[in-house]
Amino acid sequence: MDKILDLFKKWGIMLTTIFSLCAMYNSCGVTSKLDRMNKNTMLLEKTITYNDSLDREINVIQNEISQNEIALKVVYDQNTIVRTTARPDDVMNGYTTKIKELQDKLNKLKNARK
């Protein structure tokens, strides 16, 4: 027992310093790995949320509504439809009807999510 105590008296500070440095060296890379894993987890959660079927369907419907609203404005502003094909009022009415149908469908999906 005396030999062990003499060893610690002589080399105690050096051994403590070496063990502390080894422990710090082993733990230094852990925080950066945890940060990277946390970022990857958050990216996966965002991807899962976006790929949720309701979200995807809602996005598709919102895009269709936007496209129909743009088409309605183009027809109204530029009056580019030739009268022999269809009257501009009939085409605008068709777009308005389609927008209303899509908005009703979108509202049903949003209410189903709640």
PDB file of N, CA and C in Angstrom:
ATOM      1  N   MET A   1       0.824  -1.188   0.000  1.00  0.00           N
ATOM      2  CA  MET A   1       0.000   0.000   0.000  1.00  0.00           C
ATOM      3  C   MET A   1       0.868   1.252   0.000  1.00  0.00           C
ATOM      4  N   ASP A   2       1.984   1.176   0.738  1.00  0.00           N
ATOM      5  CA  ASP A   2       2.885   2.320   0.794  1.00  0.00           C
ATOM      6  C   ASP A   2       3.499   2.608  -0.571  1.00  0.00           C
ATOM      7  N   LYS A   3       3.758   1.541  -1.332  1.00  0.00           N
ATOM      8  CA  LYS A   3       4.335   1.736  -2.667  1.00  0.00           C
ATOM      9  C   LYS A   3       3.350   2.484  -3.579  1.00  0.00           C
ATOM     10  N   ILE A   4       2.068   2.152  -3.466  1.00  0.00           N
ATOM     11  CA  ILE A   4       1.040   2.814  -4.286  1.00  0.00           C
ATOM     12  C   ILE A   4       0.918   4.281  -3.894  1.00  0.00           C
ATOM     13  N   LEU A   5       0.933   4.558  -2.596  1.00  0.00           N
ATOM     14  CA  LEU A   5       0.857   5.936  -2.133  1.00  0.00           C
ATOM     15  C   LEU A   5       2.091   6.727  -2.560  1.00  0.00           C
ATOM     16  N   ASP A   6       3.247   6.115  -2.516  1.00  0.00           N
ATOM     17  CA  ASP A   6       4.472   6.793  -2.975  1.00  0.00           C
ATOM     18  C   ASP A   6       4.387   7.083  -4.477  1.00  0.00           C
ATOM     19  N   LEU A   7       3.834   6.127  -5.227  1.00  0.00           N
ATOM     20  CA  LEU A   7       3.668   6.338  -6.670  1.00  0.00           C
ATOM     21  C   LEU A   7       2.745   7.519  -6.942  1.00  0.00           C
ATOM     22  N   PHE A   8       1.633   7.591  -6.212  1.00  0.00           N
ATOM     23  CA  PHE A   8       0.694   8.704  -6.409  1.00  0.00           C
ATOM     24  C   PHE A   8       1.281  10.034  -5.940  1.00  0.00           C
ATOM     25  N   LYS A   9       2.103  10.012  -4.892  1.00  0.00           N
ATOM     26  CA  LYS A   9       2.738  11.254  -4.447  1.00  0.00           C
ATOM     27  C   LYS A   9       3.726  11.748  -5.491  1.00  0.00           C
ATOM     28  N   LYS A  10       4.432  10.836  -6.101  1.00  0.00           N
ATOM     29  CA  LYS A  10       5.450  11.210  -7.070  1.00  0.00           C
ATOM     30  C   LYS A  10       4.842  11.552  -8.434  1.00  0.00           C
ATOM     31  N   TRP A  11       3.926  10.726  -8.914  1.00  0.00           N
ATOM     32  CA  TRP A  11       3.357  10.871 -10.262  1.00  0.00           C
ATOM     33  C   TRP A  11       1.871  11.239 -10.267  1.00  0.00           C
ATOM     34  N   GLY A  12       1.275  11.566  -9.177  1.00  0.00           N
ATOM     35  CA  GLY A  12      -0.167  11.799  -9.081  1.00  0.00           C
ATOM     36  C   GLY A  12      -0.672  12.922  -9.965  1.00  0.00           C
ATOM     37  N   ILE A  13       0.003  14.070  -9.916  1.00  0.00           N
ATOM     38  CA  ILE A  13      -0.439  15.216 -10.721  1.00  0.00           C
ATOM     39  C   ILE A  13      -0.284  14.902 -12.213  1.00  0.00           C
ATOM     40  N   MET A  14       0.829  14.253 -12.560  1.00  0.00           N
ATOM     41  CA  MET A  14       1.069  13.905 -13.962  1.00  0.00           C
ATOM     42  C   MET A  14       0.017  12.913 -14.465  1.00  0.00           C
ATOM     43  N   LEU A  15      -0.271  11.874 -13.678  1.00  0.00           N
ATOM     44  CA  LEU A  15      -1.283  10.896 -14.081  1.00  0.00           C
ATOM     45  C   LEU A  15      -2.665  11.526 -14.189  1.00  0.00           C
ATOM     46  N   THR A  16      -2.993  12.390 -13.221  1.00  0.00           N
ATOM     47  CA  THR A  16      -4.288  13.067 -13.252  1.00  0.00           C
ATOM     48  C   THR A  16      -4.406  13.939 -14.500  1.00  0.00           C
ATOM     49  N   THR A  17      -3.348  14.641 -14.837  1.00  0.00           N
ATOM     50  CA  THR A  17      -3.354  15.497 -16.028  1.00  0.00           C
ATOM     51  C   THR A  17      -3.500  14.656 -17.294  1.00  0.00           C
ATOM     52  N   ILE A  18      -2.774  13.569 -17.372  1.00  0.00           N
ATOM     53  CA  ILE A  18      -2.850  12.710 -18.564  1.00  0.00           C
ATOM     54  C   ILE A  18      -4.248  12.109 -18.712  1.00  0.00           C
ATOM     55  N   PHE A  19      -4.813  11.591 -17.629  1.00  0.00           N
ATOM     56  CA  PHE A  19      -6.169  11.016 -17.699  1.00  0.00           C
ATOM     57  C   PHE A  19      -7.209  12.084 -18.048  1.00  0.00           C
ATOM     58  N   SER A  20      -7.036  13.294 -17.523  1.00  0.00           N
ATOM     59  CA  SER A  20      -7.972  14.383 -17.846  1.00  0.00           C
ATOM     60  C   SER A  20      -7.887  14.754 -19.317  1.00  0.00           C
ATOM     61  N   LEU A  21      -6.667  14.837 -19.842  1.00  0.00           N
ATOM     62  CA  LEU A  21      -6.505  15.147 -21.263  1.00  0.00           C
ATOM     63  C   LEU A  21      -7.089  14.049 -22.146  1.00  0.00           C
ATOM     64  N   CYS A  22      -6.894  12.803 -21.747  1.00  0.00           N
ATOM     65  CA  CYS A  22      -7.474  11.693 -22.521  1.00  0.00           C
ATOM     66  C   CYS A  22      -9.005  11.750 -22.512  1.00  0.00           C
ATOM     67  N   ALA A  23      -9.575  12.041 -21.372  1.00  0.00           N
ATOM     68  CA  ALA A  23     -11.039  12.125 -21.281  1.00  0.00           C
ATOM     69  C   ALA A  23     -11.562  13.278 -22.114  1.00  0.00           C
ATOM     70  N   MET A  24     -10.848  14.422 -22.073  1.00  0.00           N
ATOM     71  CA  MET A  24     -11.276  15.574 -22.859  1.00  0.00           C
ATOM     72  C   MET A  24     -11.126  15.282 -24.351  1.00  0.00           C
ATOM     73  N   TYR A  25     -10.052  14.620 -24.728  1.00  0.00           N
ATOM     74  CA  TYR A  25      -9.823  14.281 -26.124  1.00  0.00           C
ATOM     75  C   TYR A  25     -10.930  13.364 -26.658  1.00  0.00           C
ATOM     76  N   ASN A  26     -11.360  12.427 -25.863  1.00  0.00           N
ATOM     77  CA  ASN A  26     -12.411  11.502 -26.285  1.00  0.00           C
ATOM     78  C   ASN A  26     -13.768  12.186 -26.395  1.00  0.00           C
ATOM     79  N   SER A  27     -14.001  13.223 -25.614  1.00  0.00           N
ATOM     80  CA  SER A  27     -15.320  13.855 -25.618  1.00  0.00           C
ATOM     81  C   SER A  27     -15.409  15.061 -26.530  1.00  0.00           C
ATOM     82  N   CYS A  28     -14.287  15.545 -27.073  1.00  0.00           N
ATOM     83  CA  CYS A  28     -14.322  16.752 -27.902  1.00  0.00           C
ATOM     84  C   CYS A  28     -15.138  16.562 -29.179  1.00  0.00           C
ATOM     85  N   GLY A  29     -15.013  15.442 -29.824  1.00  0.00           N
ATOM     86  CA  GLY A  29     -15.717  15.212 -31.076  1.00  0.00           C
ATOM     87  C   GLY A  29     -17.175  14.862 -30.902  1.00  0.00           C
ATOM     88  N   VAL A  30     -17.594  14.579 -29.707  1.00  0.00           N
ATOM     89  CA  VAL A  30     -18.963  14.124 -29.470  1.00  0.00           C
ATOM     90  C   VAL A  30     -19.957  15.247 -29.708  1.00  0.00           C
ATOM     91  N   THR A  31     -19.642  16.457 -29.271  1.00  0.00           N
ATOM     92  CA  THR A  31     -20.605  17.556 -29.426  1.00  0.00           C
ATOM     93  C   THR A  31     -20.824  17.889 -30.890  1.00  0.00           C
ATOM     94  N   SER A  32     -19.768  17.886 -31.689  1.00  0.00           N
ATOM     95  CA  SER A  32     -19.958  18.181 -33.110  1.00  0.00           C
ATOM     96  C   SER A  32     -20.764  17.073 -33.788  1.00  0.00           C
ATOM     97  N   LYS A  33     -20.537  15.830 -33.381  1.00  0.00           N
ATOM     98  CA  LYS A  33     -21.319  14.729 -33.950  1.00  0.00           C
ATOM     99  C   LYS A  33     -22.779  14.844 -33.535  1.00  0.00           C
ATOM    100  N   LEU A  34     -23.020  15.235 -32.295  1.00  0.00           N
ATOM    101  CA  LEU A  34     -24.398  15.411 -31.834  1.00  0.00           C
ATOM    102  C   LEU A  34     -25.078  16.548 -32.581  1.00  0.00           C
ATOM    103  N   ASP A  35     -24.345  17.637 -32.831  1.00  0.00           N
ATOM    104  CA  ASP A  35     -24.920  18.749 -33.591  1.00  0.00           C
ATOM    105  C   ASP A  35     -25.284  18.309 -34.998  1.00  0.00           C
ATOM    106  N   ARG A  36     -24.395  17.551 -35.650  1.00  0.00           N
ATOM    107  CA  ARG A  36     -24.688  17.063 -36.998  1.00  0.00           C
ATOM    108  C   ARG A  36     -25.883  16.120 -36.997  1.00  0.00           C
ATOM    109  N   MET A  37     -25.948  15.250 -35.997  1.00  0.00           N
ATOM    110  CA  MET A  37     -27.080  14.329 -35.918  1.00  0.00           C
ATOM    111  C   MET A  37     -28.372  15.084 -35.665  1.00  0.00           C
ATOM    112  N   ASN A  38     -28.312  16.132 -34.857  1.00  0.00           N
ATOM    113  CA  ASN A  38     -29.494  16.946 -34.593  1.00  0.00           C
ATOM    114  C   ASN A  38     -29.964  17.639 -35.868  1.00  0.00           C
ATOM    115  N   LYS A  39     -29.030  18.177 -36.657  1.00  0.00           N
ATOM    116  CA  LYS A  39     -29.397  18.818 -37.924  1.00  0.00           C
ATOM    117  C   LYS A  39     -30.020  17.802 -38.880  1.00  0.00           C
ATOM    118  N   ASN A  40     -29.423  16.618 -38.955  1.00  0.00           N
ATOM    119  CA  ASN A  40     -29.977  15.577 -39.829  1.00  0.00           C
ATOM    120  C   ASN A  40     -31.376  15.158 -39.384  1.00  0.00           C
ATOM    121  N   THR A  41     -31.574  15.067 -38.070  1.00  0.00           N
ATOM    122  CA  THR A  41     -32.889  14.710 -37.542  1.00  0.00           C
ATOM    123  C   THR A  41     -33.913  15.773 -37.902  1.00  0.00           C
ATOM    124  N   MET A  42     -33.536  17.039 -37.771  1.00  0.00           N
ATOM    125  CA  MET A  42     -34.474  18.111 -38.105  1.00  0.00           C
ATOM    126  C   MET A  42     -34.800  18.118 -39.593  1.00  0.00           C
ATOM    127  N   LEU A  43     -33.796  17.839 -40.448  1.00  0.00           N
ATOM    128  CA  LEU A  43     -34.054  17.750 -41.880  1.00  0.00           C
ATOM    129  C   LEU A  43     -35.009  16.608 -42.192  1.00  0.00           C
ATOM    130  N   LEU A  44     -34.821  15.472 -41.545  1.00  0.00           N
ATOM    131  CA  LEU A  44     -35.722  14.339 -41.763  1.00  0.00           C
ATOM    132  C   LEU A  44     -37.139  14.664 -41.304  1.00  0.00           C
ATOM    133  N   GLU A  45     -37.262  15.360 -40.168  1.00  0.00           N
ATOM    134  CA  GLU A  45     -38.595  15.734 -39.688  1.00  0.00           C
ATOM    135  C   GLU A  45     -39.273  16.667 -40.676  1.00  0.00           C
ATOM    136  N   LYS A  46     -38.526  17.618 -41.242  1.00  0.00           N
ATOM    137  CA  LYS A  46     -39.110  18.518 -42.239  1.00  0.00           C
ATOM    138  C   LYS A  46     -39.537  17.750 -43.476  1.00  0.00           C
ATOM    139  N   THR A  47     -38.710  16.807 -43.895  1.00  0.00           N
ATOM    140  CA  THR A  47     -39.039  16.009 -45.074  1.00  0.00           C
ATOM    141  C   THR A  47     -40.275  15.165 -44.831  1.00  0.00           C
ATOM    142  N   ILE A  48     -40.351  14.562 -43.661  1.00  0.00           N
ATOM    143  CA  ILE A  48     -41.519  13.742 -43.329  1.00  0.00           C
ATOM    144  C   ILE A  48     -42.772  14.605 -43.277  1.00  0.00           C
ATOM    145  N   THR A  49     -42.655  15.781 -42.687  1.00  0.00           N
ATOM    146  CA  THR A  49     -43.799  16.680 -42.606  1.00  0.00           C
ATOM    147  C   THR A  49     -44.240  17.107 -43.990  1.00  0.00           C
ATOM    148  N   TYR A  50     -43.280  17.429 -44.867  1.00  0.00           N
ATOM    149  CA  TYR A  50     -43.641  17.870 -46.209  1.00  0.00           C
ATOM    150  C   TYR A  50     -44.247  16.734 -47.015  1.00  0.00           C
ATOM    151  N   ASN A  51     -43.732  15.548 -46.847  1.00  0.00           N
ATOM    152  CA  ASN A  51     -44.217  14.414 -47.626  1.00  0.00           C
ATOM    153  C   ASN A  51     -45.489  13.796 -47.065  1.00  0.00           C
ATOM    154  N   ASP A  52     -45.999  14.348 -45.997  1.00  0.00           N
ATOM    155  CA  ASP A  52     -47.273  13.889 -45.469  1.00  0.00           C
ATOM    156  C   ASP A  52     -48.315  14.015 -46.574  1.00  0.00           C
ATOM    157  N   SER A  53     -49.143  13.026 -46.735  1.00  0.00           N
ATOM    158  CA  SER A  53     -50.073  13.000 -47.861  1.00  0.00           C
ATOM    159  C   SER A  53     -51.027  14.186 -47.864  1.00  0.00           C
ATOM    160  N   LEU A  54     -51.510  14.594 -46.703  1.00  0.00           N
ATOM    161  CA  LEU A  54     -52.412  15.746 -46.666  1.00  0.00           C
ATOM    162  C   LEU A  54     -51.686  17.017 -47.087  1.00  0.00           C
ATOM    163  N   ASP A  55     -50.472  17.215 -46.603  1.00  0.00           N
ATOM    164  CA  ASP A  55     -49.715  18.405 -46.984  1.00  0.00           C
ATOM    165  C   ASP A  55     -49.455  18.437 -48.481  1.00  0.00           C
ATOM    166  N   ARG A  56     -49.098  17.284 -49.024  1.00  0.00           N
ATOM    167  CA  ARG A  56     -48.829  17.224 -50.451  1.00  0.00           C
ATOM    168  C   ARG A  56     -50.089  17.550 -51.257  1.00  0.00           C
ATOM    169  N   GLU A  57     -51.208  16.978 -50.839  1.00  0.00           N
ATOM    170  CA  GLU A  57     -52.463  17.223 -51.559  1.00  0.00           C
ATOM    171  C   GLU A  57     -52.890  18.682 -51.428  1.00  0.00           C
ATOM    172  N   ILE A  58     -52.703  19.253 -50.235  1.00  0.00           N
ATOM    173  CA  ILE A  58     -53.035  20.664 -50.028  1.00  0.00           C
ATOM    174  C   ILE A  58     -52.167  21.543 -50.921  1.00  0.00           C
ATOM    175  N   ASN A  59     -50.881  21.236 -51.015  1.00  0.00           N
ATOM    176  CA  ASN A  59     -49.989  22.029 -51.873  1.00  0.00           C
ATOM    177  C   ASN A  59     -50.389  21.936 -53.340  1.00  0.00           C
ATOM    178  N   VAL A  60     -50.777  20.751 -53.778  1.00  0.00           N
ATOM    179  CA  VAL A  60     -51.200  20.579 -55.168  1.00  0.00           C
ATOM    180  C   VAL A  60     -52.449  21.410 -55.449  1.00  0.00           C
ATOM    181  N   ILE A  61     -53.399  21.379 -54.524  1.00  0.00           N
ATOM    182  CA  ILE A  61     -54.643  22.129 -54.717  1.00  0.00           C
ATOM    183  C   ILE A  61     -54.364  23.631 -54.697  1.00  0.00           C
ATOM    184  N   GLN A  62     -53.501  24.084 -53.789  1.00  0.00           N
ATOM    185  CA  GLN A  62     -53.166  25.504 -53.744  1.00  0.00           C
ATOM    186  C   GLN A  62     -52.483  25.948 -55.033  1.00  0.00           C
ATOM    187  N   ASN A  63     -51.630  25.084 -55.594  1.00  0.00           N
ATOM    188  CA  ASN A  63     -50.996  25.414 -56.871  1.00  0.00           C
ATOM    189  C   ASN A  63     -52.014  25.503 -57.995  1.00  0.00           C
ATOM    190  N   GLU A  64     -52.977  24.593 -58.016  1.00  0.00           N
ATOM    191  CA  GLU A  64     -54.020  24.627 -59.046  1.00  0.00           C
ATOM    192  C   GLU A  64     -54.868  25.893 -58.921  1.00  0.00           C
ATOM    193  N   ILE A  65     -55.197  26.268 -57.698  1.00  0.00           N
ATOM    194  CA  ILE A  65     -55.969  27.493 -57.479  1.00  0.00           C
ATOM    195  C   ILE A  65     -55.196  28.691 -58.004  1.00  0.00           C
ATOM    196  N   SER A  66     -53.924  28.740 -57.687  1.00  0.00           N
ATOM    197  CA  SER A  66     -53.083  29.849 -58.146  1.00  0.00           C
ATOM    198  C   SER A  66     -53.013  29.888 -59.669  1.00  0.00           C
ATOM    199  N   GLN A  67     -52.842  28.724 -60.294  1.00  0.00           N
ATOM    200  CA  GLN A  67     -52.780  28.674 -61.756  1.00  0.00           C
ATOM    201  C   GLN A  67     -54.093  29.143 -62.382  1.00  0.00           C
ATOM    202  N   ASN A  68     -55.215  28.721 -61.815  1.00  0.00           N
ATOM    203  CA  ASN A  68     -56.503  29.141 -62.357  1.00  0.00           C
ATOM    204  C   ASN A  68     -56.741  30.633 -62.148  1.00  0.00           C
ATOM    205  N   GLU A  69     -56.310  31.170 -61.021  1.00  0.00           N
ATOM    206  CA  GLU A  69     -56.461  32.614 -60.801  1.00  0.00           C
ATOM    207  C   GLU A  69     -55.620  33.402 -61.790  1.00  0.00           C
ATOM    208  N   ILE A  70     -54.420  32.928 -62.068  1.00  0.00           N
ATOM    209  CA  ILE A  70     -53.564  33.599 -63.049  1.00  0.00           C
ATOM    210  C   ILE A  70     -54.188  33.523 -64.435  1.00  0.00           C
ATOM    211  N   ALA A  71     -54.694  32.358 -64.804  1.00  0.00           N
ATOM    212  CA  ALA A  71     -55.337  32.200 -66.115  1.00  0.00           C
ATOM    213  C   ALA A  71     -56.554  33.108 -66.233  1.00  0.00           C
ATOM    214  N   LEU A  72     -57.313  33.237 -65.143  1.00  0.00           N
ATOM    215  CA  LEU A  72     -58.482  34.121 -65.141  1.00  0.00           C
ATOM    216  C   LEU A  72     -58.059  35.566 -65.385  1.00  0.00           C
ATOM    217  N   LYS A  73     -56.994  35.995 -64.749  1.00  0.00           N
ATOM    218  CA  LYS A  73     -56.521  37.372 -64.932  1.00  0.00           C
ATOM    219  C   LYS A  73     -55.995  37.599 -66.341  1.00  0.00           C
ATOM    220  N   VAL A  74     -55.322  36.590 -66.907  1.00  0.00           N
ATOM    221  CA  VAL A  74     -54.804  36.720 -68.269  1.00  0.00           C
ATOM    222  C   VAL A  74     -55.955  36.879 -69.248  1.00  0.00           C
ATOM    223  N   VAL A  75     -56.971  36.052 -69.100  1.00  0.00           N
ATOM    224  CA  VAL A  75     -58.118  36.137 -70.002  1.00  0.00           C
ATOM    225  C   VAL A  75     -58.822  37.476 -69.852  1.00  0.00           C
ATOM    226  N   TYR A  76     -58.973  37.926 -68.623  1.00  0.00           N
ATOM    227  CA  TYR A  76     -59.667  39.192 -68.376  1.00  0.00           C
ATOM    228  C   TYR A  76     -58.854  40.370 -68.903  1.00  0.00           C
ATOM    229  N   ASP A  77     -57.565  40.392 -68.612  1.00  0.00           N
ATOM    230  CA  ASP A  77     -56.728  41.535 -68.989  1.00  0.00           C
ATOM    231  C   ASP A  77     -56.448  41.605 -70.477  1.00  0.00           C
ATOM    232  N   GLN A  78     -56.139  40.509 -71.105  1.00  0.00           N
ATOM    233  CA  GLN A  78     -55.695  40.542 -72.497  1.00  0.00           C
ATOM    234  C   GLN A  78     -56.769  40.137 -73.501  1.00  0.00           C
ATOM    235  N   ASN A  79     -57.801  39.504 -73.029  1.00  0.00           N
ATOM    236  CA  ASN A  79     -58.906  39.087 -73.896  1.00  0.00           C
ATOM    237  C   ASN A  79     -58.379  38.357 -75.126  1.00  0.00           C
ATOM    238  N   THR A  80     -57.588  37.274 -74.851  1.00  0.00           N
ATOM    239  CA  THR A  80     -56.877  36.600 -75.940  1.00  0.00           C
ATOM    240  C   THR A  80     -57.657  35.459 -76.588  1.00  0.00           C
ATOM    241  N   ILE A  81     -58.810  35.152 -76.097  1.00  0.00           N
ATOM    242  CA  ILE A  81     -59.548  34.023 -76.664  1.00  0.00           C
ATOM    243  C   ILE A  81     -60.327  34.490 -77.887  1.00  0.00           C
ATOM    244  N   VAL A  82     -60.183  33.731 -78.928  1.00  0.00           N
ATOM    245  CA  VAL A  82     -60.893  34.049 -80.169  1.00  0.00           C
ATOM    246  C   VAL A  82     -62.361  33.704 -79.983  1.00  0.00           C
ATOM    247  N   ARG A  83     -63.216  34.561 -80.468  1.00  0.00           N
ATOM    248  CA  ARG A  83     -64.657  34.386 -80.256  1.00  0.00           C
ATOM    249  C   ARG A  83     -65.197  33.102 -80.875  1.00  0.00           C
ATOM    250  N   THR A  84     -64.554  32.621 -81.896  1.00  0.00           N
ATOM    251  CA  THR A  84     -65.078  31.402 -82.530  1.00  0.00           C
ATOM    252  C   THR A  84     -64.841  30.175 -81.635  1.00  0.00           C
ATOM    253  N   THR A  85     -63.832  30.216 -80.766  1.00  0.00           N
ATOM    254  CA  THR A  85     -63.545  29.079 -79.901  1.00  0.00           C
ATOM    255  C   THR A  85     -64.471  29.092 -78.691  1.00  0.00           C
ATOM    256  N   ALA A  86     -64.427  30.180 -77.931  1.00  0.00           N
ATOM    257  CA  ALA A  86     -65.281  30.329 -76.753  1.00  0.00           C
ATOM    258  C   ALA A  86     -65.293  31.801 -76.367  1.00  0.00           C
ATOM    259  N   ARG A  87     -66.384  32.205 -75.779  1.00  0.00           N
ATOM    260  CA  ARG A  87     -66.461  33.591 -75.327  1.00  0.00           C
ATOM    261  C   ARG A  87     -65.613  33.767 -74.074  1.00  0.00           C
ATOM    262  N   PRO A  88     -64.957  34.906 -73.932  1.00  0.00           N
ATOM    263  CA  PRO A  88     -64.127  35.148 -72.746  1.00  0.00           C
ATOM    264  C   PRO A  88     -64.911  35.038 -71.444  1.00  0.00           C
ATOM    265  N   ASP A  89     -66.161  35.475 -71.448  1.00  0.00           N
ATOM    266  CA  ASP A  89     -66.973  35.380 -70.234  1.00  0.00           C
ATOM    267  C   ASP A  89     -67.204  33.923 -69.825  1.00  0.00           C
ATOM    268  N   ASP A  90     -67.429  33.052 -70.816  1.00  0.00           N
ATOM    269  CA  ASP A  90     -67.628  31.630 -70.511  1.00  0.00           C
ATOM    270  C   ASP A  90     -66.357  30.996 -69.946  1.00  0.00           C
ATOM    271  N   VAL A  91     -65.217  31.354 -70.526  1.00  0.00           N
ATOM    272  CA  VAL A  91     -63.944  30.810 -70.043  1.00  0.00           C
ATOM    273  C   VAL A  91     -63.658  31.321 -68.628  1.00  0.00           C
ATOM    274  N   MET A  92     -63.888  32.615 -68.373  1.00  0.00           N
ATOM    275  CA  MET A  92     -63.666  33.170 -67.035  1.00  0.00           C
ATOM    276  C   MET A  92     -64.609  32.524 -66.029  1.00  0.00           C
ATOM    277  N   ASN A  93     -65.845  32.268 -66.431  1.00  0.00           N
ATOM    278  CA  ASN A  93     -66.794  31.602 -65.555  1.00  0.00           C
ATOM    279  C   ASN A  93     -66.320  30.185 -65.237  1.00  0.00           C
ATOM    280  N   GLY A  94     -65.769  29.492 -66.229  1.00  0.00           N
ATOM    281  CA  GLY A  94     -65.233  28.146 -66.000  1.00  0.00           C
ATOM    282  C   GLY A  94     -64.081  28.168 -65.000  1.00  0.00           C
ATOM    283  N   TYR A  95     -63.183  29.151 -65.144  1.00  0.00           N
ATOM    284  CA  TYR A  95     -62.079  29.282 -64.190  1.00  0.00           C
ATOM    285  C   TYR A  95     -62.598  29.598 -62.791  1.00  0.00           C
ATOM    286  N   THR A  96     -63.578  30.475 -62.708  1.00  0.00           N
ATOM    287  CA  THR A  96     -64.141  30.836 -61.401  1.00  0.00           C
ATOM    288  C   THR A  96     -64.777  29.623 -60.731  1.00  0.00           C
ATOM    289  N   THR A  97     -65.500  28.840 -61.495  1.00  0.00           N
ATOM    290  CA  THR A  97     -66.125  27.622 -60.968  1.00  0.00           C
ATOM    291  C   THR A  97     -65.065  26.627 -60.484  1.00  0.00           C
ATOM    292  N   LYS A  98     -64.023  26.453 -61.290  1.00  0.00           N
ATOM    293  CA  LYS A  98     -62.947  25.532 -60.917  1.00  0.00           C
ATOM    294  C   LYS A  98     -62.247  26.007 -59.641  1.00  0.00           C
ATOM    295  N   ILE A  99     -62.014  27.313 -59.506  1.00  0.00           N
ATOM    296  CA  ILE A  99     -61.380  27.865 -58.309  1.00  0.00           C
ATOM    297  C   ILE A  99     -62.248  27.606 -57.082  1.00  0.00           C
ATOM    298  N   LYS A 100     -63.553  27.815 -57.209  1.00  0.00           N
ATOM    299  CA  LYS A 100     -64.462  27.574 -56.081  1.00  0.00           C
ATOM    300  C   LYS A 100     -64.452  26.101 -55.668  1.00  0.00           C
ATOM    301  N   GLU A 101     -64.469  25.199 -56.655  1.00  0.00           N
ATOM    302  CA  GLU A 101     -64.441  23.765 -56.350  1.00  0.00           C
ATOM    303  C   GLU A 101     -63.155  23.392 -55.617  1.00  0.00           C
ATOM    304  N   LEU A 102     -62.034  23.911 -56.109  1.00  0.00           N
ATOM    305  CA  LEU A 102     -60.756  23.606 -55.479  1.00  0.00           C
ATOM    306  C   LEU A 102     -60.653  24.197 -54.073  1.00  0.00           C
ATOM    307  N   GLN A 103     -61.203  25.395 -53.882  1.00  0.00           N
ATOM    308  CA  GLN A 103     -61.168  25.998 -52.550  1.00  0.00           C
ATOM    309  C   GLN A 103     -62.038  25.219 -51.565  1.00  0.00           C
ATOM    310  N   ASP A 104     -63.183  24.721 -52.034  1.00  0.00           N
ATOM    311  CA  ASP A 104     -64.015  23.877 -51.169  1.00  0.00           C
ATOM    312  C   ASP A 104     -63.277  22.594 -50.781  1.00  0.00           C
ATOM    313  N   LYS A 105     -62.611  21.975 -51.754  1.00  0.00           N
ATOM    314  CA  LYS A 105     -61.856  20.756 -51.489  1.00  0.00           C
ATOM    315  C   LYS A 105     -60.706  21.038 -50.516  1.00  0.00           C
ATOM    316  N   LEU A 106     -60.032  22.182 -50.705  1.00  0.00           N
ATOM    317  CA  LEU A 106     -58.943  22.578 -49.820  1.00  0.00           C
ATOM    318  C   LEU A 106     -59.439  22.809 -48.400  1.00  0.00           C
ATOM    319  N   ASN A 107     -60.573  23.460 -48.254  1.00  0.00           N
ATOM    320  CA  ASN A 107     -61.131  23.697 -46.922  1.00  0.00           C
ATOM    321  C   ASN A 107     -61.507  22.387 -46.235  1.00  0.00           C
ATOM    322  N   LYS A 108     -62.032  21.422 -46.993  1.00  0.00           N
ATOM    323  CA  LYS A 108     -62.366  20.115 -46.418  1.00  0.00           C
ATOM    324  C   LYS A 108     -61.108  19.412 -45.909  1.00  0.00           C
ATOM    325  N   LEU A 109     -60.022  19.476 -46.681  1.00  0.00           N
ATOM    326  CA  LEU A 109     -58.776  18.839 -46.267  1.00  0.00           C
ATOM    327  C   LEU A 109     -58.189  19.519 -45.031  1.00  0.00           C
ATOM    328  N   LYS A 110     -58.244  20.830 -44.999  1.00  0.00           N
ATOM    329  CA  LYS A 110     -57.728  21.550 -43.837  1.00  0.00           C
ATOM    330  C   LYS A 110     -58.554  21.253 -42.600  1.00  0.00           C
ATOM    331  N   ASN A 111     -59.866  21.129 -42.764  1.00  0.00           N
ATOM    332  CA  ASN A 111     -60.721  20.791 -41.627  1.00  0.00           C
ATOM    333  C   ASN A 111     -60.482  19.355 -41.175  1.00  0.00           C
ATOM    334  N   ALA A 112     -60.145  18.464 -42.107  1.00  0.00           N
ATOM    335  CA  ALA A 112     -59.877  17.070 -41.722  1.00  0.00           C
ATOM    336  C   ALA A 112     -58.592  16.957 -40.919  1.00  0.00           C
ATOM    337  N   ARG A 113     -57.668  17.866 -41.127  1.00  0.00           N
ATOM    338  CA  ARG A 113     -56.404  17.850 -40.395  1.00  0.00           C
ATOM    339  C   ARG A 113     -56.599  18.237 -38.949  1.00  0.00           C
ATOM    340  N   LYS A 114     -57.587  19.091 -38.673  1.00  0.00           N
ATOM    341  CA  LYS A 114     -57.792  19.590 -37.295  1.00  0.00           C
ATOM    342  C   LYS A 114     -58.240  18.546 -36.367  1.00  0.00           C
TER     343      LYS A 114
END
